[in-house]
Every structure is written in structure tokens, then in C-alpha cells.
Amino acid sequence: MANNQAPQGNHDPAGSTQMFRAFVDEAPQGRQAAASGGGPRIGLILGVVVAVAVIAAVAWLALG
């Protein structure tokens, strides 16, 4: 009778487990580096300011 269970140990023939573990191990470091940089936050603030300016300009032209 054949044994169809996975072998004991960490070998994954497809490699998906190792790739998933590498992703999970790297994710907190990536999030922490992005949060400390402040770059995306400045872009978001500038985007909001530009959007408010465009809406104000359209309202001024429509009502003026």
C-alpha cells in the first residue's frame, strides 16, 4: 500500500510554503519602513488640497 502523505520535514515540492513564509516575514518590515518615511502621507495631503482647490474653482465659476 502506497503512502500518499507528505514527507516529514520542511520540503515543499511546489515551493509555495517557502514563498508564503518569505512574504509574511518581510511584510512587517515593509509596512514599518513605509510608515516612517512619510512620503505617502504628504502625497495624500497634497491630493486633498488640489481636489478642494478644483472644487472651489468650479463652484466659483458656476456661481460667479
N, C-alpha and C. Protein backbone atom coordinates (compact mmCIF):
# COMPACT_ATOMS: atom_id res chain seq x y z
N MET A 1 0.84 -1.17 0.00
CA MET A 1 0.00 0.00 0.00
C MET A 1 0.89 1.24 0.00
N ALA A 2 0.58 2.21 -0.86
CA ALA A 2 1.41 3.40 -1.02
C ALA A 2 1.07 4.43 0.05
N ASN A 3 2.09 5.13 0.46
CA ASN A 3 1.91 6.20 1.43
C ASN A 3 1.83 7.51 0.66
N ASN A 4 0.64 8.15 0.59
CA ASN A 4 0.45 9.37 -0.19
C ASN A 4 0.56 10.64 0.64
N GLN A 5 0.97 10.51 1.88
CA GLN A 5 1.09 11.69 2.72
C GLN A 5 2.41 12.40 2.42
N ALA A 6 2.46 13.69 2.76
CA ALA A 6 3.67 14.48 2.51
C ALA A 6 4.79 13.97 3.39
N PRO A 7 6.02 14.06 2.90
CA PRO A 7 7.15 13.60 3.71
C PRO A 7 7.35 14.50 4.92
N GLN A 8 7.93 13.91 5.96
CA GLN A 8 8.20 14.68 7.16
C GLN A 8 9.34 15.65 6.88
N GLY A 9 9.21 16.88 7.36
CA GLY A 9 10.26 17.87 7.14
C GLY A 9 9.68 19.12 6.51
N ASN A 10 10.54 20.00 6.06
CA ASN A 10 10.12 21.29 5.54
C ASN A 10 10.14 21.37 4.02
N HIS A 11 10.36 20.25 3.34
CA HIS A 11 10.44 20.30 1.88
C HIS A 11 9.05 20.43 1.27
N ASP A 12 8.87 21.45 0.43
CA ASP A 12 7.61 21.67 -0.27
C ASP A 12 7.91 21.60 -1.76
N PRO A 13 7.45 20.57 -2.47
CA PRO A 13 7.80 20.42 -3.88
C PRO A 13 7.37 21.62 -4.73
N ALA A 14 6.25 22.25 -4.40
CA ALA A 14 5.77 23.37 -5.19
C ALA A 14 6.47 24.67 -4.79
N GLY A 15 7.02 24.74 -3.62
CA GLY A 15 7.69 25.94 -3.17
C GLY A 15 6.75 27.02 -2.64
N SER A 16 5.45 26.74 -2.62
CA SER A 16 4.50 27.78 -2.21
C SER A 16 4.62 28.11 -0.73
N THR A 17 4.92 27.13 0.09
CA THR A 17 5.02 27.39 1.52
C THR A 17 6.20 28.30 1.82
N GLN A 18 7.36 28.03 1.16
CA GLN A 18 8.52 28.87 1.40
C GLN A 18 8.26 30.29 0.91
N MET A 19 7.60 30.43 -0.23
CA MET A 19 7.32 31.76 -0.77
C MET A 19 6.37 32.51 0.16
N PHE A 20 5.35 31.81 0.70
CA PHE A 20 4.41 32.45 1.61
C PHE A 20 5.11 32.88 2.89
N ARG A 21 5.95 32.02 3.42
CA ARG A 21 6.66 32.38 4.66
C ARG A 21 7.59 33.57 4.43
N ALA A 22 8.25 33.63 3.28
CA ALA A 22 9.11 34.77 2.99
C ALA A 22 8.29 36.05 2.90
N PHE A 23 7.10 35.97 2.29
CA PHE A 23 6.23 37.14 2.19
C PHE A 23 5.77 37.60 3.57
N VAL A 24 5.36 36.66 4.40
CA VAL A 24 4.87 37.01 5.74
C VAL A 24 6.00 37.58 6.59
N ASP A 25 7.19 37.02 6.46
CA ASP A 25 8.32 37.52 7.26
C ASP A 25 8.75 38.91 6.82
N GLU A 26 8.59 39.26 5.53
CA GLU A 26 9.01 40.57 5.05
C GLU A 26 7.94 41.64 5.23
N ALA A 27 6.67 41.29 5.33
CA ALA A 27 5.58 42.26 5.34
C ALA A 27 5.69 43.28 6.48
N PRO A 28 5.94 42.90 7.73
CA PRO A 28 6.02 43.92 8.79
C PRO A 28 7.16 44.91 8.56
N GLN A 29 8.28 44.45 8.03
CA GLN A 29 9.40 45.35 7.79
C GLN A 29 9.03 46.37 6.72
N GLY A 30 8.34 45.94 5.67
CA GLY A 30 7.94 46.85 4.60
C GLY A 30 6.95 47.88 5.09
N ARG A 31 5.98 47.46 5.88
CA ARG A 31 5.00 48.40 6.42
C ARG A 31 5.65 49.41 7.35
N GLN A 32 6.58 48.94 8.17
CA GLN A 32 7.24 49.84 9.12
C GLN A 32 8.09 50.87 8.38
N ALA A 33 8.78 50.48 7.33
CA ALA A 33 9.61 51.41 6.57
C ALA A 33 8.74 52.44 5.87
N ALA A 34 7.61 52.03 5.33
CA ALA A 34 6.72 52.96 4.62
C ALA A 34 6.09 53.95 5.60
N ALA A 35 5.75 53.50 6.79
CA ALA A 35 5.11 54.38 7.77
C ALA A 35 6.09 55.41 8.31
N SER A 36 7.35 55.06 8.42
CA SER A 36 8.31 56.00 8.97
C SER A 36 8.77 57.01 7.92
N GLY A 37 8.60 56.72 6.63
CA GLY A 37 9.06 57.61 5.59
C GLY A 37 8.22 58.87 5.48
N GLY A 38 6.92 58.77 5.56
CA GLY A 38 6.05 59.93 5.47
C GLY A 38 5.73 60.35 4.05
N GLY A 39 6.28 59.68 3.05
CA GLY A 39 6.06 60.05 1.66
C GLY A 39 4.61 59.93 1.22
N PRO A 40 3.97 58.80 1.43
CA PRO A 40 2.57 58.65 1.00
C PRO A 40 1.63 59.62 1.71
N ARG A 41 1.92 59.97 2.94
CA ARG A 41 1.05 60.88 3.68
C ARG A 41 1.10 62.27 3.05
N ILE A 42 2.26 62.73 2.64
CA ILE A 42 2.39 64.05 2.02
C ILE A 42 1.65 64.07 0.68
N GLY A 43 1.75 62.98 -0.07
CA GLY A 43 1.03 62.89 -1.34
C GLY A 43 -0.47 62.94 -1.14
N LEU A 44 -0.94 62.29 -0.10
CA LEU A 44 -2.38 62.29 0.19
C LEU A 44 -2.85 63.71 0.56
N ILE A 45 -2.07 64.39 1.37
CA ILE A 45 -2.44 65.75 1.77
C ILE A 45 -2.46 66.68 0.56
N LEU A 46 -1.45 66.57 -0.30
CA LEU A 46 -1.42 67.40 -1.49
C LEU A 46 -2.60 67.09 -2.42
N GLY A 47 -2.95 65.82 -2.52
CA GLY A 47 -4.10 65.43 -3.35
C GLY A 47 -5.40 66.03 -2.84
N VAL A 48 -5.58 66.03 -1.53
CA VAL A 48 -6.79 66.60 -0.94
C VAL A 48 -6.83 68.11 -1.16
N VAL A 49 -5.69 68.77 -0.99
CA VAL A 49 -5.64 70.23 -1.20
C VAL A 49 -5.97 70.57 -2.64
N VAL A 50 -5.40 69.82 -3.59
CA VAL A 50 -5.69 70.08 -5.01
C VAL A 50 -7.16 69.82 -5.31
N ALA A 51 -7.74 68.76 -4.76
CA ALA A 51 -9.15 68.46 -5.00
C ALA A 51 -10.04 69.58 -4.46
N VAL A 52 -9.75 70.09 -3.28
CA VAL A 52 -10.54 71.18 -2.70
C VAL A 52 -10.40 72.43 -3.55
N ALA A 53 -9.20 72.71 -4.05
CA ALA A 53 -8.99 73.89 -4.89
C ALA A 53 -9.78 73.78 -6.19
N VAL A 54 -9.79 72.60 -6.79
CA VAL A 54 -10.54 72.40 -8.04
C VAL A 54 -12.03 72.56 -7.80
N ILE A 55 -12.54 71.99 -6.72
CA ILE A 55 -13.97 72.11 -6.41
C ILE A 55 -14.32 73.58 -6.14
N ALA A 56 -13.46 74.29 -5.43
CA ALA A 56 -13.71 75.71 -5.15
C ALA A 56 -13.71 76.52 -6.44
N ALA A 57 -12.79 76.22 -7.35
CA ALA A 57 -12.73 76.94 -8.62
C ALA A 57 -13.97 76.68 -9.46
N VAL A 58 -14.43 75.45 -9.51
CA VAL A 58 -15.64 75.11 -10.27
C VAL A 58 -16.85 75.79 -9.66
N ALA A 59 -16.96 75.79 -8.35
CA ALA A 59 -18.09 76.45 -7.69
C ALA A 59 -18.04 77.96 -7.93
N TRP A 60 -16.86 78.56 -7.89
CA TRP A 60 -16.73 80.00 -8.14
C TRP A 60 -17.15 80.36 -9.56
N LEU A 61 -16.73 79.52 -10.54
CA LEU A 61 -17.13 79.77 -11.93
C LEU A 61 -18.62 79.56 -12.14
N ALA A 62 -19.19 78.58 -11.48
CA ALA A 62 -20.60 78.28 -11.65
C ALA A 62 -21.48 79.36 -11.01
N LEU A 63 -21.06 79.86 -9.87
CA LEU A 63 -21.88 80.85 -9.16
C LEU A 63 -21.54 82.30 -9.52
N GLY A 64 -20.39 82.49 -10.16
CA GLY A 64 -19.96 83.84 -10.44
C GLY A 64 -20.43 84.42 -11.70
